[in-house]
Amino acid sequence: MEEPELEKVTIRLPVRYIRALDFLVKVDDFPSRSEAIRSAIRDFIYDRVDVVMDKVKRMEEAEKTLAAMEIFQAEYLKK
């Protein structure tokens, strides 16, 4: 299997986050800081996509409801 293409990104993190990352690496939860950060970002993206998709579905439902309301008003509330 081919390795995914990786791009280097430089970020600044609070020292307490670095200490927590180092702890996770030290207790063999992750092989490296980089792998821990990749895992965290991957999990965040998957979770966030779900949140955004739910928001999109709610917006679509709201638009359908608004359209139905406008049709109702046009038909039944004519002056």
PDB file of N, CA and C in Angstrom:
ATOM      1  N   MET A   1       0.845  -1.188   0.000  1.00  0.00           N
ATOM      2  CA  MET A   1       0.000   0.000   0.000  1.00  0.00           C
ATOM      3  C   MET A   1       0.884   1.243   0.000  1.00  0.00           C
ATOM      4  N   GLU A   2       0.510   2.211  -0.806  1.00  0.00           N
ATOM      5  CA  GLU A   2       1.304   3.425  -0.948  1.00  0.00           C
ATOM      6  C   GLU A   2       1.053   4.379   0.215  1.00  0.00           C
ATOM      7  N   GLU A   3       2.123   4.982   0.705  1.00  0.00           N
ATOM      8  CA  GLU A   3       2.018   5.962   1.793  1.00  0.00           C
ATOM      9  C   GLU A   3       1.289   7.206   1.290  1.00  0.00           C
ATOM     10  N   PRO A   4       0.414   7.798   2.110  1.00  0.00           N
ATOM     11  CA  PRO A   4      -0.243   9.039   1.685  1.00  0.00           C
ATOM     12  C   PRO A   4       0.773  10.176   1.621  1.00  0.00           C
ATOM     13  N   GLU A   5       0.516  11.110   0.721  1.00  0.00           N
ATOM     14  CA  GLU A   5       1.397  12.273   0.609  1.00  0.00           C
ATOM     15  C   GLU A   5       1.203  13.143   1.843  1.00  0.00           C
ATOM     16  N   LEU A   6       2.290  13.509   2.464  1.00  0.00           N
ATOM     17  CA  LEU A   6       2.236  14.325   3.671  1.00  0.00           C
ATOM     18  C   LEU A   6       2.837  15.690   3.399  1.00  0.00           C
ATOM     19  N   GLU A   7       2.269  16.700   4.023  1.00  0.00           N
ATOM     20  CA  GLU A   7       2.792  18.058   3.920  1.00  0.00           C
ATOM     21  C   GLU A   7       3.125  18.543   5.319  1.00  0.00           C
ATOM     22  N   LYS A   8       4.252  19.178   5.444  1.00  0.00           N
ATOM     23  CA  LYS A   8       4.679  19.687   6.744  1.00  0.00           C
ATOM     24  C   LYS A   8       3.935  20.980   7.068  1.00  0.00           C
ATOM     25  N   VAL A   9       3.432  21.057   8.305  1.00  0.00           N
ATOM     26  CA  VAL A   9       2.720  22.236   8.784  1.00  0.00           C
ATOM     27  C   VAL A   9       3.315  22.615  10.132  1.00  0.00           C
ATOM     28  N   THR A  10       3.616  23.880  10.295  1.00  0.00           N
ATOM     29  CA  THR A  10       4.162  24.359  11.563  1.00  0.00           C
ATOM     30  C   THR A  10       3.045  25.040  12.345  1.00  0.00           C
ATOM     31  N   ILE A  11       2.879  24.634  13.610  1.00  0.00           N
ATOM     32  CA  ILE A  11       1.859  25.253  14.463  1.00  0.00           C
ATOM     33  C   ILE A  11       2.465  25.576  15.823  1.00  0.00           C
ATOM     34  N   ARG A  12       1.828  26.478  16.515  1.00  0.00           N
ATOM     35  CA  ARG A  12       2.220  26.804  17.885  1.00  0.00           C
ATOM     36  C   ARG A  12       1.122  26.281  18.802  1.00  0.00           C
ATOM     37  N   LEU A  13       1.540  25.564  19.836  1.00  0.00           N
ATOM     38  CA  LEU A  13       0.600  25.003  20.805  1.00  0.00           C
ATOM     39  C   LEU A  13       0.998  25.416  22.207  1.00  0.00           C
ATOM     40  N   PRO A  14       0.024  25.527  23.100  1.00  0.00           N
ATOM     41  CA  PRO A  14       0.367  25.795  24.497  1.00  0.00           C
ATOM     42  C   PRO A  14       1.252  24.667  25.042  1.00  0.00           C
ATOM     43  N   VAL A  15       2.147  25.026  25.941  1.00  0.00           N
ATOM     44  CA  VAL A  15       3.084  24.060  26.514  1.00  0.00           C
ATOM     45  C   VAL A  15       2.337  22.888  27.145  1.00  0.00           C
ATOM     46  N   ARG A  16       1.202  23.150  27.780  1.00  0.00           N
ATOM     47  CA  ARG A  16       0.468  22.056  28.426  1.00  0.00           C
ATOM     48  C   ARG A  16      -0.007  21.027  27.403  1.00  0.00           C
ATOM     49  N   TYR A  17      -0.321  21.451  26.173  1.00  0.00           N
ATOM     50  CA  TYR A  17      -0.705  20.494  25.136  1.00  0.00           C
ATOM     51  C   TYR A  17       0.491  19.638  24.730  1.00  0.00           C
ATOM     52  N   ILE A  18       1.648  20.280  24.615  1.00  0.00           N
ATOM     53  CA  ILE A  18       2.863  19.544  24.250  1.00  0.00           C
ATOM     54  C   ILE A  18       3.194  18.517  25.331  1.00  0.00           C
ATOM     55  N   ARG A  19       3.081  18.930  26.580  1.00  0.00           N
ATOM     56  CA  ARG A  19       3.343  17.984  27.680  1.00  0.00           C
ATOM     57  C   ARG A  19       2.382  16.801  27.621  1.00  0.00           C
ATOM     58  N   ALA A  20       1.119  17.069  27.339  1.00  0.00           N
ATOM     59  CA  ALA A  20       0.134  15.989  27.236  1.00  0.00           C
ATOM     60  C   ALA A  20       0.456  15.071  26.056  1.00  0.00           C
ATOM     61  N   LEU A  21       0.844  15.663  24.923  1.00  0.00           N
ATOM     62  CA  LEU A  21       1.253  14.852  23.772  1.00  0.00           C
ATOM     63  C   LEU A  21       2.447  13.978  24.119  1.00  0.00           C
ATOM     64  N   ASP A  22       3.435  14.579  24.745  1.00  0.00           N
ATOM     65  CA  ASP A  22       4.632  13.826  25.123  1.00  0.00           C
ATOM     66  C   ASP A  22       4.291  12.687  26.079  1.00  0.00           C
ATOM     67  N   PHE A  23       3.358  12.927  26.988  1.00  0.00           N
ATOM     68  CA  PHE A  23       2.926  11.866  27.897  1.00  0.00           C
ATOM     69  C   PHE A  23       2.315  10.703  27.113  1.00  0.00           C
ATOM     70  N   LEU A  24       1.438  11.022  26.156  1.00  0.00           N
ATOM     71  CA  LEU A  24       0.804   9.968  25.356  1.00  0.00           C
ATOM     72  C   LEU A  24       1.831   9.165  24.564  1.00  0.00           C
ATOM     73  N   VAL A  25       2.840   9.850  24.072  1.00  0.00           N
ATOM     74  CA  VAL A  25       3.912   9.156  23.349  1.00  0.00           C
ATOM     75  C   VAL A  25       4.720   8.301  24.319  1.00  0.00           C
ATOM     76  N   LYS A  26       5.027   8.851  25.477  1.00  0.00           N
ATOM     77  CA  LYS A  26       5.854   8.141  26.460  1.00  0.00           C
ATOM     78  C   LYS A  26       5.194   6.848  26.939  1.00  0.00           C
ATOM     79  N   VAL A  27       3.870   6.860  27.093  1.00  0.00           N
ATOM     80  CA  VAL A  27       3.177   5.653  27.553  1.00  0.00           C
ATOM     81  C   VAL A  27       2.751   4.760  26.382  1.00  0.00           C
ATOM     82  N   ASP A  28       3.331   5.014  25.224  1.00  0.00           N
ATOM     83  CA  ASP A  28       3.112   4.208  24.012  1.00  0.00           C
ATOM     84  C   ASP A  28       1.680   4.228  23.490  1.00  0.00           C
ATOM     85  N   ASP A  29       0.954   5.300  23.761  1.00  0.00           N
ATOM     86  CA  ASP A  29      -0.372   5.437  23.169  1.00  0.00           C
ATOM     87  C   ASP A  29      -0.240   5.826  21.697  1.00  0.00           C
ATOM     88  N   PHE A  30       0.813   6.579  21.388  1.00  0.00           N
ATOM     89  CA  PHE A  30       1.145   6.965  20.017  1.00  0.00           C
ATOM     90  C   PHE A  30       2.640   6.797  19.824  1.00  0.00           C
ATOM     91  N   PRO A  31       3.058   6.503  18.591  1.00  0.00           N
ATOM     92  CA  PRO A  31       4.493   6.344  18.351  1.00  0.00           C
ATOM     93  C   PRO A  31       5.257   7.671  18.309  1.00  0.00           C
ATOM     94  N   SER A  32       4.536   8.781  18.065  1.00  0.00           N
ATOM     95  CA  SER A  32       5.208  10.081  17.958  1.00  0.00           C
ATOM     96  C   SER A  32       4.199  11.209  18.159  1.00  0.00           C
ATOM     97  N   ARG A  33       4.729  12.402  18.381  1.00  0.00           N
ATOM     98  CA  ARG A  33       3.860  13.581  18.460  1.00  0.00           C
ATOM     99  C   ARG A  33       3.076  13.736  17.162  1.00  0.00           C
ATOM    100  N   SER A  34       3.788  13.583  16.055  1.00  0.00           N
ATOM    101  CA  SER A  34       3.143  13.762  14.751  1.00  0.00           C
ATOM    102  C   SER A  34       1.955  12.826  14.583  1.00  0.00           C
ATOM    103  N   GLU A  35       2.136  11.571  14.966  1.00  0.00           N
ATOM    104  CA  GLU A  35       1.045  10.606  14.818  1.00  0.00           C
ATOM    105  C   GLU A  35      -0.120  10.964  15.735  1.00  0.00           C
ATOM    106  N   ALA A  36       0.161  11.435  16.932  1.00  0.00           N
ATOM    107  CA  ALA A  36      -0.900  11.854  17.849  1.00  0.00           C
ATOM    108  C   ALA A  36      -1.677  13.032  17.266  1.00  0.00           C
ATOM    109  N   ILE A  37      -0.961  13.990  16.707  1.00  0.00           N
ATOM    110  CA  ILE A  37      -1.612  15.164  16.117  1.00  0.00           C
ATOM    111  C   ILE A  37      -2.412  14.762  14.885  1.00  0.00           C
ATOM    112  N   ARG A  38      -1.849  13.900  14.021  1.00  0.00           N
ATOM    113  CA  ARG A  38      -2.595  13.424  12.849  1.00  0.00           C
ATOM    114  C   ARG A  38      -3.888  12.732  13.274  1.00  0.00           C
ATOM    115  N   SER A  39      -3.792  11.903  14.293  1.00  0.00           N
ATOM    116  CA  SER A  39      -4.967  11.186  14.786  1.00  0.00           C
ATOM    117  C   SER A  39      -6.018  12.159  15.315  1.00  0.00           C
ATOM    118  N   ALA A  40      -5.577  13.151  16.079  1.00  0.00           N
ATOM    119  CA  ALA A  40      -6.507  14.140  16.633  1.00  0.00           C
ATOM    120  C   ALA A  40      -7.190  14.934  15.523  1.00  0.00           C
ATOM    121  N   ILE A  41      -6.429  15.327  14.519  1.00  0.00           N
ATOM    122  CA  ILE A  41      -7.002  16.097  13.409  1.00  0.00           C
ATOM    123  C   ILE A  41      -7.975  15.232  12.614  1.00  0.00           C
ATOM    124  N   ARG A  42      -7.608  13.989  12.352  1.00  0.00           N
ATOM    125  CA  ARG A  42      -8.494  13.072  11.628  1.00  0.00           C
ATOM    126  C   ARG A  42      -9.815  12.912  12.387  1.00  0.00           C
ATOM    127  N   ASP A  43      -9.738  12.656  13.698  1.00  0.00           N
ATOM    128  CA  ASP A  43     -10.952  12.491  14.499  1.00  0.00           C
ATOM    129  C   ASP A  43     -11.793  13.765  14.498  1.00  0.00           C
ATOM    130  N   PHE A  44     -11.127  14.917  14.609  1.00  0.00           N
ATOM    131  CA  PHE A  44     -11.828  16.198  14.586  1.00  0.00           C
ATOM    132  C   PHE A  44     -12.567  16.383  13.263  1.00  0.00           C
ATOM    133  N   ILE A  45     -11.888  16.079  12.158  1.00  0.00           N
ATOM    134  CA  ILE A  45     -12.505  16.264  10.841  1.00  0.00           C
ATOM    135  C   ILE A  45     -13.723  15.356  10.691  1.00  0.00           C
ATOM    136  N   TYR A  46     -13.596  14.087  11.065  1.00  0.00           N
ATOM    137  CA  TYR A  46     -14.741  13.177  10.970  1.00  0.00           C
ATOM    138  C   TYR A  46     -15.908  13.683  11.812  1.00  0.00           C
ATOM    139  N   ASP A  47     -15.645  14.106  13.033  1.00  0.00           N
ATOM    140  CA  ASP A  47     -16.703  14.628  13.897  1.00  0.00           C
ATOM    141  C   ASP A  47     -17.315  15.895  13.317  1.00  0.00           C
ATOM    142  N   ARG A  48     -16.480  16.777  12.821  1.00  0.00           N
ATOM    143  CA  ARG A  48     -16.948  18.061  12.310  1.00  0.00           C
ATOM    144  C   ARG A  48     -17.780  17.884  11.048  1.00  0.00           C
ATOM    145  N   VAL A  49     -17.385  16.949  10.187  1.00  0.00           N
ATOM    146  CA  VAL A  49     -18.164  16.678   8.981  1.00  0.00           C
ATOM    147  C   VAL A  49     -19.579  16.254   9.371  1.00  0.00           C
ATOM    148  N   ASP A  50     -19.703  15.414  10.393  1.00  0.00           N
ATOM    149  CA  ASP A  50     -21.027  15.005  10.867  1.00  0.00           C
ATOM    150  C   ASP A  50     -21.838  16.206  11.344  1.00  0.00           C
ATOM    151  N   VAL A  51     -21.216  17.098  12.093  1.00  0.00           N
ATOM    152  CA  VAL A  51     -21.901  18.296  12.594  1.00  0.00           C
ATOM    153  C   VAL A  51     -22.367  19.162  11.426  1.00  0.00           C
ATOM    154  N   VAL A  52     -21.499  19.364  10.458  1.00  0.00           N
ATOM    155  CA  VAL A  52     -21.835  20.216   9.311  1.00  0.00           C
ATOM    156  C   VAL A  52     -22.941  19.576   8.473  1.00  0.00           C
ATOM    157  N   MET A  53     -22.864  18.268   8.262  1.00  0.00           N
ATOM    158  CA  MET A  53     -23.899  17.594   7.480  1.00  0.00           C
ATOM    159  C   MET A  53     -25.255  17.684   8.178  1.00  0.00           C
ATOM    160  N   ASP A  54     -25.280  17.543   9.492  1.00  0.00           N
ATOM    161  CA  ASP A  54     -26.531  17.708  10.238  1.00  0.00           C
ATOM    162  C   ASP A  54     -27.075  19.125  10.075  1.00  0.00           C
ATOM    163  N   LYS A  55     -26.185  20.100  10.112  1.00  0.00           N
ATOM    164  CA  LYS A  55     -26.598  21.498   9.948  1.00  0.00           C
ATOM    165  C   LYS A  55     -27.180  21.723   8.552  1.00  0.00           C
ATOM    166  N   VAL A  56     -26.541  21.151   7.537  1.00  0.00           N
ATOM    167  CA  VAL A  56     -27.030  21.285   6.161  1.00  0.00           C
ATOM    168  C   VAL A  56     -28.421  20.661   6.033  1.00  0.00           C
ATOM    169  N   LYS A  57     -28.611  19.483   6.621  1.00  0.00           N
ATOM    170  CA  LYS A  57     -29.925  18.825   6.565  1.00  0.00           C
ATOM    171  C   LYS A  57     -30.995  19.676   7.239  1.00  0.00           C
ATOM    172  N   ARG A  58     -30.659  20.263   8.389  1.00  0.00           N
ATOM    173  CA  ARG A  58     -31.626  21.121   9.088  1.00  0.00           C
ATOM    174  C   ARG A  58     -31.962  22.357   8.251  1.00  0.00           C
ATOM    175  N   MET A  59     -30.962  22.919   7.586  1.00  0.00           N
ATOM    176  CA  MET A  59     -31.204  24.087   6.738  1.00  0.00           C
ATOM    177  C   MET A  59     -32.103  23.720   5.557  1.00  0.00           C
ATOM    178  N   GLU A  60     -31.866  22.548   4.961  1.00  0.00           N
ATOM    179  CA  GLU A  60     -32.708  22.101   3.851  1.00  0.00           C
ATOM    180  C   GLU A  60     -34.151  21.922   4.307  1.00  0.00           C
ATOM    181  N   GLU A  61     -34.341  21.323   5.478  1.00  0.00           N
ATOM    182  CA  GLU A  61     -35.689  21.139   6.021  1.00  0.00           C
ATOM    183  C   GLU A  61     -36.353  22.488   6.297  1.00  0.00           C
ATOM    184  N   ALA A  62     -35.594  23.425   6.825  1.00  0.00           N
ATOM    185  CA  ALA A  62     -36.139  24.759   7.100  1.00  0.00           C
ATOM    186  C   ALA A  62     -36.557  25.439   5.803  1.00  0.00           C
ATOM    187  N   GLU A  63     -35.757  25.285   4.749  1.00  0.00           N
ATOM    188  CA  GLU A  63     -36.105  25.884   3.458  1.00  0.00           C
ATOM    189  C   GLU A  63     -37.376  25.259   2.891  1.00  0.00           C
ATOM    190  N   LYS A  64     -37.527  23.936   3.037  1.00  0.00           N
ATOM    191  CA  LYS A  64     -38.744  23.266   2.566  1.00  0.00           C
ATOM    192  C   LYS A  64     -39.956  23.763   3.345  1.00  0.00           C
ATOM    193  N   THR A  65     -39.805  23.901   4.647  1.00  0.00           N
ATOM    194  CA  THR A  65     -40.904  24.384   5.487  1.00  0.00           C
ATOM    195  C   THR A  65     -41.285  25.804   5.102  1.00  0.00           C
ATOM    196  N   LEU A  66     -40.293  26.646   4.877  1.00  0.00           N
ATOM    197  CA  LEU A  66     -40.560  28.026   4.474  1.00  0.00           C
ATOM    198  C   LEU A  66     -41.278  28.073   3.130  1.00  0.00           C
ATOM    199  N   ALA A  67     -40.838  27.252   2.181  1.00  0.00           N
ATOM    200  CA  ALA A  67     -41.489  27.212   0.869  1.00  0.00           C
ATOM    201  C   ALA A  67     -42.939  26.751   1.004  1.00  0.00           C
ATOM    202  N   ALA A  68     -43.184  25.742   1.826  1.00  0.00           N
ATOM    203  CA  ALA A  68     -44.551  25.254   2.034  1.00  0.00           C
ATOM    204  C   ALA A  68     -45.409  26.332   2.689  1.00  0.00           C
ATOM    205  N   MET A  69     -44.837  27.063   3.625  1.00  0.00           N
ATOM    206  CA  MET A  69     -45.568  28.137   4.294  1.00  0.00           C
ATOM    207  C   MET A  69     -45.933  29.233   3.291  1.00  0.00           C
ATOM    208  N   GLU A  70     -45.017  29.564   2.413  1.00  0.00           N
ATOM    209  CA  GLU A  70     -45.286  30.602   1.415  1.00  0.00           C
ATOM    210  C   GLU A  70     -46.392  30.165   0.457  1.00  0.00           C
ATOM    211  N   ILE A  71     -46.391  28.891   0.071  1.00  0.00           N
ATOM    212  CA  ILE A  71     -47.457  28.367  -0.790  1.00  0.00           C
ATOM    213  C   ILE A  71     -48.790  28.429  -0.054  1.00  0.00           C
ATOM    214  N   PHE A  72     -48.790  28.014   1.195  1.00  0.00           N
ATOM    215  CA  PHE A  72     -50.008  28.056   2.014  1.00  0.00           C
ATOM    216  C   PHE A  72     -50.541  29.482   2.103  1.00  0.00           C
ATOM    217  N   GLN A  73     -49.665  30.425   2.386  1.00  0.00           N
ATOM    218  CA  GLN A  73     -50.085  31.821   2.503  1.00  0.00           C
ATOM    219  C   GLN A  73     -50.648  32.328   1.184  1.00  0.00           C
ATOM    220  N   ALA A  74     -50.004  31.978   0.080  1.00  0.00           N
ATOM    221  CA  ALA A  74     -50.468  32.443  -1.226  1.00  0.00           C
ATOM    222  C   ALA A  74     -51.851  31.879  -1.550  1.00  0.00           C
ATOM    223  N   GLU A  75     -52.098  30.636  -1.172  1.00  0.00           N
ATOM    224  CA  GLU A  75     -53.377  29.999  -1.491  1.00  0.00           C
ATOM    225  C   GLU A  75     -54.504  30.389  -0.542  1.00  0.00           C
ATOM    226  N   TYR A  76     -54.227  30.428   0.739  1.00  0.00           N
ATOM    227  CA  TYR A  76     -55.298  30.542   1.725  1.00  0.00           C
ATOM    228  C   TYR A  76     -55.402  31.890   2.426  1.00  0.00           C
ATOM    229  N   LEU A  77     -54.414  32.689   2.304  1.00  0.00           N
ATOM    230  CA  LEU A  77     -54.459  33.973   3.003  1.00  0.00           C
ATOM    231  C   LEU A  77     -54.499  35.148   2.032  1.00  0.00           C
ATOM    232  N   LYS A  78     -55.106  34.924   0.857  1.00  0.00           N
ATOM    233  CA  LYS A  78     -55.242  36.011  -0.110  1.00  0.00           C
ATOM    234  C   LYS A  78     -56.190  37.057   0.440  1.00  0.00           C
ATOM    235  N   LYS A  79     -55.907  38.296   0.131  1.00  0.00           N
ATOM    236  CA  LYS A  79     -56.782  39.376   0.593  1.00  0.00           C
ATOM    237  C   LYS A  79     -57.716  39.776  -0.503  1.00  0.00           C
TER     238      LYS A  79
END
